[in-house]
Protein backbone atom coordinates (compact mmCIF):
# COMPACT_ATOMS: atom_id res chain seq x y z
CA MET A 1 -8.22 5.31 -30.55
CA LEU A 2 -9.49 2.85 -27.96
CA GLN A 3 -6.94 0.42 -26.58
CA LYS A 4 -7.77 -2.69 -24.69
CA VAL A 5 -5.66 -3.29 -21.59
CA ALA A 6 -5.47 -6.80 -20.24
CA THR A 7 -4.87 -7.18 -16.54
CA GLN A 8 -4.15 -10.32 -14.66
CA PRO A 9 -5.39 -10.55 -11.07
CA ALA A 10 -2.89 -11.31 -8.36
CA GLN A 11 -1.97 -14.97 -8.33
CA ALA A 12 -1.55 -15.17 -4.58
CA LYS A 13 -3.28 -13.17 -1.90
CA VAL A 14 -2.27 -13.73 1.67
CA SER A 15 -3.70 -11.89 4.64
CA ASN A 16 -2.11 -11.76 8.07
CA TRP A 17 -3.58 -10.44 11.29
CA ASN A 18 -1.08 -9.72 14.05
CA LEU A 19 -2.03 -8.72 17.57
CA GLY A 20 0.66 -7.60 19.95
CA PHE A 21 0.91 -6.26 23.46
CA GLY A 22 3.63 -5.66 25.98
CA ASN A 23 5.57 -3.27 28.12
CA GLN A 24 8.68 -1.21 27.47
CA PHE A 25 10.51 0.49 30.34
CA ALA A 26 13.71 2.20 31.41
CA LEU A 27 14.84 2.86 34.95
CA ALA A 28 17.91 5.02 35.47
CA GLU A 29 18.77 5.88 39.08
CA SER A 30 21.05 8.76 38.13
CA PHE A 31 18.75 10.27 35.48
CA GLU A 32 15.18 10.08 36.75
CA THR A 33 13.94 12.29 33.89
CA ARG A 34 14.81 9.46 31.51
CA ASN A 35 12.59 6.89 33.21
CA PHE A 36 9.51 5.56 31.45
CA ASP A 37 7.10 2.65 31.65
CA ILE A 38 5.12 2.29 28.42
CA GLY A 39 2.38 -0.28 28.09
CA PHE A 40 1.02 -0.96 24.61
CA TRP A 41 -1.19 -3.08 22.44
CA GLU A 42 -1.50 -3.11 18.66
CA VAL A 43 -3.37 -4.76 15.82
CA ASN A 44 -1.79 -5.09 12.38
CA PRO A 45 -3.77 -6.58 9.47
CA ARG A 46 -1.74 -6.99 6.24
CA MET A 47 -2.55 -8.17 2.73
CA ASN A 48 0.12 -9.50 0.34
CA PHE A 49 -0.46 -9.60 -3.42
CA GLN A 50 1.98 -11.65 -5.52
CA PHE A 51 1.23 -10.64 -9.12
CA ASN A 52 3.99 -12.78 -10.62
CA GLN A 53 7.48 -13.98 -9.71
CA LYS A 54 8.85 -10.48 -10.23
CA PHE A 55 6.39 -8.21 -8.41
CA ARG A 56 4.87 -8.18 -4.92
CA LEU A 57 2.70 -5.55 -3.22
CA THR A 58 1.93 -5.50 0.50
CA THR A 59 -0.60 -3.19 2.11
CA GLY A 60 -1.42 -2.90 5.75
CA TYR A 61 -2.91 -0.92 8.57
CA VAL A 62 -1.58 -0.59 12.10
CA PHE A 63 -3.44 0.67 15.13
CA LYS A 64 -1.38 1.14 18.29
CA GLN A 65 -2.42 2.38 21.69
CA ARG A 66 0.40 3.27 24.05
CA LYS A 67 0.39 4.79 27.53
CA ASN A 68 3.17 5.92 29.84
CA THR A 69 2.90 5.43 33.59
CA ASP A 70 4.97 7.60 35.96
CA VAL A 71 6.63 6.49 39.23
CA THR A 72 3.37 6.98 41.18
CA ASN A 73 1.58 4.55 38.81
CA THR A 74 -0.41 7.39 37.25
CA VAL A 75 -0.91 7.47 33.49
CA ASP A 76 0.66 10.75 32.38
CA ALA A 77 0.37 10.31 28.59
CA ARG A 78 -1.70 8.32 26.10
CA LEU A 79 -1.00 7.92 22.41
CA ASN A 80 -3.09 6.50 19.56
CA VAL A 81 -1.35 5.70 16.28
CA HIS A 82 -3.10 5.01 12.97
CA LYS A 83 -0.66 3.93 10.25
CA LEU A 84 -1.07 2.90 6.60
CA VAL A 85 1.78 0.82 5.17
CA PHE A 86 2.56 0.08 1.52
CA ASP A 87 5.60 -1.77 0.24
CA THR A 88 6.60 -3.22 -3.09
CA ARG A 89 9.35 -5.47 -4.35
CA TRP A 90 10.39 -5.84 -7.98
CA ASN A 91 12.79 -8.60 -8.89
CA ILE A 92 14.68 -7.53 -11.97
CA LYS A 93 16.94 -9.57 -14.25
CA ASP A 94 19.08 -12.06 -12.32
CA ARG A 95 19.31 -11.21 -8.61
CA ASN A 96 18.80 -7.44 -8.92
CA ASN A 97 15.81 -5.93 -7.12
CA ILE A 98 14.07 -2.72 -6.04
CA PHE A 99 12.21 -2.41 -2.76
CA THR A 100 10.06 0.59 -1.81
CA LYS A 101 8.12 1.32 1.35
CA LEU A 102 5.76 4.11 2.42
CA GLU A 103 4.28 4.57 5.89
CA ILE A 104 1.74 7.31 6.63
CA SER A 105 0.97 7.77 10.32
CA ASN A 106 -1.35 9.95 12.35
CA LEU A 107 -0.46 10.31 16.03
CA SER A 108 -2.79 11.79 18.63
CA GLN A 109 -1.35 12.30 22.10
CA VAL A 110 -2.93 13.39 25.38
CA GLY A 111 -0.58 14.40 28.20
CA SER A 112 3.14 15.06 28.33
CA PRO A 113 5.39 12.55 30.11
CA GLY A 114 8.75 14.35 29.63
CA PHE A 115 11.31 14.32 26.83
CA SER A 116 12.75 10.77 27.05
CA ALA A 117 9.42 9.08 27.64
CA GLU A 118 7.80 11.18 24.91
CA TYR A 119 10.42 10.16 22.33
CA GLU A 120 9.94 6.46 23.17
CA LEU A 121 6.16 6.78 23.37
CA ARG A 122 5.94 8.29 19.86
CA GLU A 123 8.78 6.13 18.45
CA GLY A 124 10.61 9.23 17.24
CA LEU A 125 7.62 10.66 15.35
CA GLN A 126 5.75 13.93 15.94
CA PRO A 127 2.08 14.38 16.90
CA GLY A 128 -0.12 14.81 13.84
CA LEU A 129 0.58 13.54 10.33
CA ASN A 130 3.91 11.80 9.58
CA ALA A 131 5.29 10.11 6.48
CA VAL A 132 8.32 7.82 6.27
CA TRP A 133 9.52 6.32 2.99
CA GLN A 134 12.39 4.21 1.71
CA ALA A 135 13.77 2.98 -1.60
CA PHE A 136 16.41 0.25 -1.71
CA ILE A 137 18.09 -0.94 -4.92
CA THR A 138 20.41 -3.95 -5.19
CA VAL A 139 22.46 -4.41 -8.37
CA TYR A 140 25.00 -7.17 -8.92
CA LEU A 141 27.88 -5.64 -10.87
CA LEU A 142 29.75 -8.95 -11.08
CA GLU A 143 29.00 -12.44 -9.81
CA ASN A 144 30.51 -11.56 -6.43
CA VAL A 145 30.21 -7.73 -6.31
CA GLU A 146 26.98 -6.13 -5.09
CA LEU A 147 25.99 -2.44 -5.19
CA ASN A 148 23.31 -1.22 -2.75
CA LEU A 149 21.66 2.20 -3.03
CA THR A 150 19.36 3.34 -0.21
CA TYR A 151 17.23 6.46 0.05
CA ASP A 152 15.24 7.28 3.20
CA GLY A 153 12.94 10.20 3.81
CA ARG A 154 10.67 11.44 6.54
CA ALA A 155 8.29 14.32 6.95
CA SER A 156 6.25 15.48 9.93
CA THR A 157 3.76 18.27 10.36
CA GLY A 158 5.61 21.52 11.02
CA THR A 159 9.14 20.20 10.44
CA PRO A 160 11.37 20.18 7.35
CA VAL A 161 11.63 17.01 5.26
CA ILE A 162 14.70 14.89 6.04
CA HIS A 163 16.46 13.05 3.18
CA THR A 164 19.18 10.44 3.68
CA GLY A 165 21.06 8.47 1.03
CA ARG A 166 23.61 5.69 1.27
CA ILE A 167 25.74 3.72 -1.18
CA GLN A 168 27.42 0.43 -0.35
CA VAL A 169 29.60 -1.86 -2.44
CA ARG A 170 30.14 -5.40 -1.14
CA ALA A 171 32.46 -8.09 -2.45
CA PHE A 172 31.92 -11.75 -1.60
CA PHE A 173 34.90 -14.08 -1.40
């Protein structure tokens, strides 16, 4: 049996292009191994699709280039990050909603600046393929009582998957 499926194109499409650059540094006299000076620039195009009042999809791509400079002003590490980003938001009956997000990153690093600088340079991720995801659910149990459920996960090449869950109940007076 052949069924006809009707689809409605997104009502609103919005694209954003963000360009950023800057410097991030730490200088600790007592712990010289924790010093870093990271210069970076990034480009981040995003596209938002609003299908109706209840559903939104955002897709994006991020390219970052970061480099760490040691105390002699020599670049000791370079990092390129390619990241795909997808997030959705469903507004359900009343004020209840579900938000999901998925980020898939590929990091390529040349050089090794030391532990503290390396952690900051890679923003806590590992070289190679990384995935970070989140699901967040908000349910209003009563007019002034809100239940939040959060699930976070992350996976990197060569490391076990990390799962984290949280539950929060809030009352408004």
